[in-house]
Amino acid sequence: MKTFEEKFTEWIDGRLTGSELESFESELSKIENAHPEKEQALKLGGLLRANYQAPEMENADFFNHQLMQRIEAETAKNTPAAKTVPQFWTLARLAWAGTFCMAMAAAIYCIAVPKGAAEYSSGREYVVQILNTQTSDPAITATTIHSKDNKLTVLWLDGLDYISSDTEQ
């Protein structure tokens, strides 16, 4: 609903029409100075339009710049802060990356470590497996004897000179 001042301004400007104009003029009949005030307002408006010109602004660009900065500052205060984007290495991602690395290490260990190596170890510190036998002297032969049941591997060398335990070194 419009206030009395808004209706009065529209009445002076000639924008009230129809039933709105009739109801407002009946309201104005109670006010004694309404019509002379309208005439004075119309006269003042005509004088202002005819004689008043806005002064030319010096440094209009500077004024516009300051005005835009104030508008930006006011809108920044009134708008909620944007949600910040988290960094890539958040705590949750670090935990998932660590879990993934541990799973990959376990998978590589299960694939890369030979399963047969466990049968040679019986709590000893070292495990030996002979893969190839070869000698530089053709008179010497090397043979590998392996027993899975006894968990025993023997390297048999034939053709070596006998060295007695009595000889001095």
C-alpha atoms as a PDB file:
ATOM      1  CA  MET A   1       0.000   0.000   0.000  1.00  0.00           C
ATOM      2  CA  LYS A   2       1.304   3.441  -0.889  1.00  0.00           C
ATOM      3  CA  THR A   3       1.983   6.042   1.766  1.00  0.00           C
ATOM      4  CA  PHE A   4       0.377   9.485   1.708  1.00  0.00           C
ATOM      5  CA  GLU A   5       3.662  11.049   0.533  1.00  0.00           C
ATOM      6  CA  GLU A   6       3.895   8.664  -2.427  1.00  0.00           C
ATOM      7  CA  LYS A   7       0.312   9.354  -3.433  1.00  0.00           C
ATOM      8  CA  PHE A   8       0.864  13.129  -3.020  1.00  0.00           C
ATOM      9  CA  THR A   9       3.933  13.025  -5.282  1.00  0.00           C
ATOM     10  CA  GLU A  10       2.040  11.039  -7.928  1.00  0.00           C
ATOM     11  CA  TRP A  11      -0.879  13.526  -7.669  1.00  0.00           C
ATOM     12  CA  ILE A  12       1.503  16.472  -8.260  1.00  0.00           C
ATOM     13  CA  ASP A  13       3.102  14.675 -11.230  1.00  0.00           C
ATOM     14  CA  GLY A  14      -0.361  13.823 -12.659  1.00  0.00           C
ATOM     15  CA  ARG A  15       0.061  10.066 -12.473  1.00  0.00           C
ATOM     16  CA  LEU A  16      -3.016   9.272 -10.376  1.00  0.00           C
ATOM     17  CA  THR A  17      -6.043   8.192 -12.412  1.00  0.00           C
ATOM     18  CA  GLY A  18      -9.522   6.792 -11.940  1.00  0.00           C
ATOM     19  CA  SER A  19     -10.753   5.667  -8.559  1.00  0.00           C
ATOM     20  CA  GLU A  20      -7.335   6.203  -7.008  1.00  0.00           C
ATOM     21  CA  LEU A  21      -7.466   9.905  -8.000  1.00  0.00           C
ATOM     22  CA  GLU A  22     -11.009  10.324  -6.660  1.00  0.00           C
ATOM     23  CA  SER A  23     -10.218   8.701  -3.296  1.00  0.00           C
ATOM     24  CA  PHE A  24      -7.040  10.766  -2.890  1.00  0.00           C
ATOM     25  CA  GLU A  25      -8.772  14.078  -3.765  1.00  0.00           C
ATOM     26  CA  SER A  26     -11.500  13.315  -1.226  1.00  0.00           C
ATOM     27  CA  GLU A  27      -8.720  12.767   1.313  1.00  0.00           C
ATOM     28  CA  LEU A  28      -7.098  16.089   0.262  1.00  0.00           C
ATOM     29  CA  SER A  29     -10.328  18.008   0.868  1.00  0.00           C
ATOM     30  CA  LYS A  30      -9.556  17.678   4.594  1.00  0.00           C
ATOM     31  CA  ILE A  31      -6.140  19.366   4.087  1.00  0.00           C
ATOM     32  CA  GLU A  32      -6.467  23.133   3.473  1.00  0.00           C
ATOM     33  CA  ASN A  33      -3.086  23.929   1.796  1.00  0.00           C
ATOM     34  CA  ALA A  34      -2.959  20.980  -0.623  1.00  0.00           C
ATOM     35  CA  HIS A  35      -3.838  22.822  -3.866  1.00  0.00           C
ATOM     36  CA  PRO A  36      -1.519  25.843  -3.298  1.00  0.00           C
ATOM     37  CA  GLU A  37       1.279  23.409  -2.407  1.00  0.00           C
ATOM     38  CA  LYS A  38       0.707  21.557  -5.693  1.00  0.00           C
ATOM     39  CA  GLU A  39       0.940  24.816  -7.620  1.00  0.00           C
ATOM     40  CA  GLN A  40       4.183  25.782  -5.862  1.00  0.00           C
ATOM     41  CA  ALA A  41       5.694  22.309  -6.528  1.00  0.00           C
ATOM     42  CA  LEU A  42       4.772  22.526 -10.234  1.00  0.00           C
ATOM     43  CA  LYS A  43       6.215  26.039 -10.478  1.00  0.00           C
ATOM     44  CA  LEU A  44       9.474  24.961  -8.751  1.00  0.00           C
ATOM     45  CA  GLY A  45       9.776  21.899 -11.023  1.00  0.00           C
ATOM     46  CA  GLY A  46       9.340  24.080 -14.117  1.00  0.00           C
ATOM     47  CA  LEU A  47      11.991  26.552 -12.927  1.00  0.00           C
ATOM     48  CA  LEU A  48      14.448  23.767 -12.153  1.00  0.00           C
ATOM     49  CA  ARG A  49      13.983  22.146 -15.557  1.00  0.00           C
ATOM     50  CA  ALA A  50      14.417  25.477 -17.359  1.00  0.00           C
ATOM     51  CA  ASN A  51      17.344  26.998 -15.453  1.00  0.00           C
ATOM     52  CA  TYR A  52      19.309  24.366 -13.604  1.00  0.00           C
ATOM     53  CA  GLN A  53      22.006  22.373 -15.302  1.00  0.00           C
ATOM     54  CA  ALA A  54      24.165  19.857 -13.498  1.00  0.00           C
ATOM     55  CA  PRO A  55      27.778  21.014 -13.225  1.00  0.00           C
ATOM     56  CA  GLU A  56      30.325  19.227 -15.362  1.00  0.00           C
ATOM     57  CA  MET A  57      32.188  16.782 -13.171  1.00  0.00           C
ATOM     58  CA  GLU A  58      35.967  17.011 -13.071  1.00  0.00           C
ATOM     59  CA  ASN A  59      37.825  13.690 -12.830  1.00  0.00           C
ATOM     60  CA  ALA A  60      34.772  11.612 -13.683  1.00  0.00           C
ATOM     61  CA  ASP A  61      36.913   8.499 -14.169  1.00  0.00           C
ATOM     62  CA  PHE A  62      38.382   8.837 -10.687  1.00  0.00           C
ATOM     63  CA  PHE A  63      34.896   9.245  -9.204  1.00  0.00           C
ATOM     64  CA  ASN A  64      33.628   6.196 -11.105  1.00  0.00           C
ATOM     65  CA  HIS A  65      36.631   4.163  -9.960  1.00  0.00           C
ATOM     66  CA  GLN A  66      36.063   5.043  -6.289  1.00  0.00           C
ATOM     67  CA  LEU A  67      32.361   4.358  -6.602  1.00  0.00           C
ATOM     68  CA  MET A  68      32.975   0.930  -8.148  1.00  0.00           C
ATOM     69  CA  GLN A  69      35.454   0.054  -5.370  1.00  0.00           C
ATOM     70  CA  ARG A  70      32.880   0.943  -2.714  1.00  0.00           C
ATOM     71  CA  ILE A  71      30.225  -1.121  -4.462  1.00  0.00           C
ATOM     72  CA  GLU A  72      32.578  -4.111  -4.678  1.00  0.00           C
ATOM     73  CA  ALA A  73      33.522  -3.751  -1.001  1.00  0.00           C
ATOM     74  CA  GLU A  74      29.861  -3.594   0.057  1.00  0.00           C
ATOM     75  CA  THR A  75      28.864  -6.590  -2.057  1.00  0.00           C
ATOM     76  CA  ALA A  76      31.843  -8.564  -0.746  1.00  0.00           C
ATOM     77  CA  LYS A  77      30.659  -7.942   2.821  1.00  0.00           C
ATOM     78  CA  ASN A  78      27.112  -9.045   2.038  1.00  0.00           C
ATOM     79  CA  THR A  79      27.875 -12.144  -0.018  1.00  0.00           C
ATOM     80  CA  PRO A  80      28.778 -15.342   1.832  1.00  0.00           C
ATOM     81  CA  ALA A  81      32.356 -16.483   1.491  1.00  0.00           C
ATOM     82  CA  ALA A  82      32.904 -19.013  -1.259  1.00  0.00           C
ATOM     83  CA  LYS A  83      33.705 -22.516  -0.147  1.00  0.00           C
ATOM     84  CA  THR A  84      37.425 -23.050  -0.385  1.00  0.00           C
ATOM     85  CA  VAL A  85      38.686 -25.896  -2.491  1.00  0.00           C
ATOM     86  CA  PRO A  86      40.681 -28.356  -0.397  1.00  0.00           C
ATOM     87  CA  GLN A  87      44.223 -29.111  -1.294  1.00  0.00           C
ATOM     88  CA  PHE A  88      44.925 -32.415  -3.036  1.00  0.00           C
ATOM     89  CA  TRP A  89      46.709 -34.080  -0.097  1.00  0.00           C
ATOM     90  CA  THR A  90      44.094 -33.869   2.610  1.00  0.00           C
ATOM     91  CA  LEU A  91      44.314 -36.201   5.587  1.00  0.00           C
ATOM     92  CA  ALA A  92      41.712 -38.566   4.182  1.00  0.00           C
ATOM     93  CA  ARG A  93      43.487 -38.789   0.836  1.00  0.00           C
ATOM     94  CA  LEU A  94      46.805 -39.435   2.564  1.00  0.00           C
ATOM     95  CA  ALA A  95      45.203 -42.291   4.510  1.00  0.00           C
ATOM     96  CA  TRP A  96      43.746 -43.810   1.346  1.00  0.00           C
ATOM     97  CA  ALA A  97      47.052 -43.404  -0.500  1.00  0.00           C
ATOM     98  CA  GLY A  98      48.920 -45.125   2.367  1.00  0.00           C
ATOM     99  CA  THR A  99      46.425 -47.978   2.408  1.00  0.00           C
ATOM    100  CA  PHE A 100      46.738 -48.390  -1.351  1.00  0.00           C
ATOM    101  CA  CYS A 101      50.561 -48.419  -1.138  1.00  0.00           C
ATOM    102  CA  MET A 102      50.507 -51.062   1.610  1.00  0.00           C
ATOM    103  CA  ALA A 103      48.138 -53.251  -0.434  1.00  0.00           C
ATOM    104  CA  MET A 104      50.358 -52.894  -3.519  1.00  0.00           C
ATOM    105  CA  ALA A 105      53.469 -53.772  -1.484  1.00  0.00           C
ATOM    106  CA  ALA A 106      51.748 -56.885  -0.095  1.00  0.00           C
ATOM    107  CA  ALA A 107      50.630 -57.927  -3.594  1.00  0.00           C
ATOM    108  CA  ILE A 108      54.121 -57.450  -5.035  1.00  0.00           C
ATOM    109  CA  TYR A 109      55.640 -59.392  -2.136  1.00  0.00           C
ATOM    110  CA  CYS A 110      53.241 -62.304  -2.673  1.00  0.00           C
ATOM    111  CA  ILE A 111      53.991 -62.369  -6.394  1.00  0.00           C
ATOM    112  CA  ALA A 112      57.738 -61.664  -6.366  1.00  0.00           C
ATOM    113  CA  VAL A 113      58.967 -63.814  -3.452  1.00  0.00           C
ATOM    114  CA  PRO A 114      59.284 -67.463  -4.542  1.00  0.00           C
ATOM    115  CA  LYS A 115      57.030 -69.769  -2.589  1.00  0.00           C
ATOM    116  CA  GLY A 116      59.501 -72.660  -2.669  1.00  0.00           C
ATOM    117  CA  ALA A 117      62.093 -70.739  -0.629  1.00  0.00           C
ATOM    118  CA  ALA A 118      60.169 -71.379   2.569  1.00  0.00           C
ATOM    119  CA  GLU A 119      60.745 -75.167   2.381  1.00  0.00           C
ATOM    120  CA  TYR A 120      64.533 -74.698   2.662  1.00  0.00           C
ATOM    121  CA  SER A 121      64.430 -72.567   5.739  1.00  0.00           C
ATOM    122  CA  SER A 122      64.241 -74.438   8.984  1.00  0.00           C
ATOM    123  CA  GLY A 123      64.958 -71.579  11.293  1.00  0.00           C
ATOM    124  CA  ARG A 124      68.517 -71.184  10.095  1.00  0.00           C
ATOM    125  CA  GLU A 125      69.990 -67.853   9.222  1.00  0.00           C
ATOM    126  CA  TYR A 126      70.957 -68.678   5.620  1.00  0.00           C
ATOM    127  CA  VAL A 127      69.274 -70.560   2.815  1.00  0.00           C
ATOM    128  CA  VAL A 128      71.321 -71.838  -0.124  1.00  0.00           C
ATOM    129  CA  GLN A 129      70.075 -73.038  -3.468  1.00  0.00           C
ATOM    130  CA  ILE A 130      72.494 -74.200  -6.148  1.00  0.00           C
ATOM    131  CA  LEU A 131      71.337 -73.149  -9.562  1.00  0.00           C
ATOM    132  CA  ASN A 132      74.294 -74.073 -11.794  1.00  0.00           C
ATOM    133  CA  THR A 133      77.547 -76.026 -11.370  1.00  0.00           C
ATOM    134  CA  GLN A 134      80.567 -75.424 -13.543  1.00  0.00           C
ATOM    135  CA  THR A 135      84.343 -75.867 -13.099  1.00  0.00           C
ATOM    136  CA  SER A 136      87.246 -74.346 -14.958  1.00  0.00           C
ATOM    137  CA  ASP A 137      89.262 -77.637 -14.977  1.00  0.00           C
ATOM    138  CA  PRO A 138      87.754 -80.338 -17.239  1.00  0.00           C
ATOM    139  CA  ALA A 139      89.178 -83.039 -14.953  1.00  0.00           C
ATOM    140  CA  ILE A 140      86.941 -81.869 -12.108  1.00  0.00           C
ATOM    141  CA  THR A 141      83.219 -82.564 -12.186  1.00  0.00           C
ATOM    142  CA  ALA A 142      80.621 -80.982  -9.976  1.00  0.00           C
ATOM    143  CA  THR A 143      77.345 -82.698  -9.157  1.00  0.00           C
ATOM    144  CA  THR A 144      74.427 -81.409  -7.123  1.00  0.00           C
ATOM    145  CA  ILE A 145      72.433 -83.832  -5.033  1.00  0.00           C
ATOM    146  CA  HIS A 146      69.185 -82.554  -3.636  1.00  0.00           C
ATOM    147  CA  SER A 147      66.769 -84.282  -1.266  1.00  0.00           C
ATOM    148  CA  LYS A 148      63.464 -82.571  -0.529  1.00  0.00           C
ATOM    149  CA  ASP A 149      62.476 -85.125   2.066  1.00  0.00           C
ATOM    150  CA  ASN A 150      65.585 -84.521   4.164  1.00  0.00           C
ATOM    151  CA  LYS A 151      65.823 -80.861   3.199  1.00  0.00           C
ATOM    152  CA  LEU A 152      69.382 -81.427   2.134  1.00  0.00           C
ATOM    153  CA  THR A 153      71.528 -80.212  -0.771  1.00  0.00           C
ATOM    154  CA  VAL A 154      75.051 -81.589  -1.399  1.00  0.00           C
ATOM    155  CA  LEU A 155      77.638 -80.343  -3.902  1.00  0.00           C
ATOM    156  CA  TRP A 156      79.827 -83.323  -4.892  1.00  0.00           C
ATOM    157  CA  LEU A 157      83.191 -82.524  -6.520  1.00  0.00           C
ATOM    158  CA  ASP A 158      85.111 -85.370  -8.284  1.00  0.00           C
ATOM    159  CA  GLY A 159      88.681 -85.090  -9.526  1.00  0.00           C
ATOM    160  CA  LEU A 160      90.158 -82.803  -6.874  1.00  0.00           C
ATOM    161  CA  ASP A 161      93.560 -83.535  -5.381  1.00  0.00           C
ATOM    162  CA  TYR A 162      93.384 -84.914  -1.900  1.00  0.00           C
ATOM    163  CA  ILE A 163      94.689 -82.606   0.802  1.00  0.00           C
ATOM    164  CA  SER A 164      95.458 -84.269   4.068  1.00  0.00           C
ATOM    165  CA  SER A 165      94.706 -82.568   7.304  1.00  0.00           C
ATOM    166  CA  ASP A 166      98.340 -83.107   8.443  1.00  0.00           C
ATOM    167  CA  THR A 167      99.899 -80.712   5.994  1.00  0.00           C
ATOM    168  CA  GLU A 168     100.758 -77.231   7.082  1.00  0.00           C
ATOM    169  CA  GLN A 169      99.348 -74.365   5.333  1.00  0.00           C
END
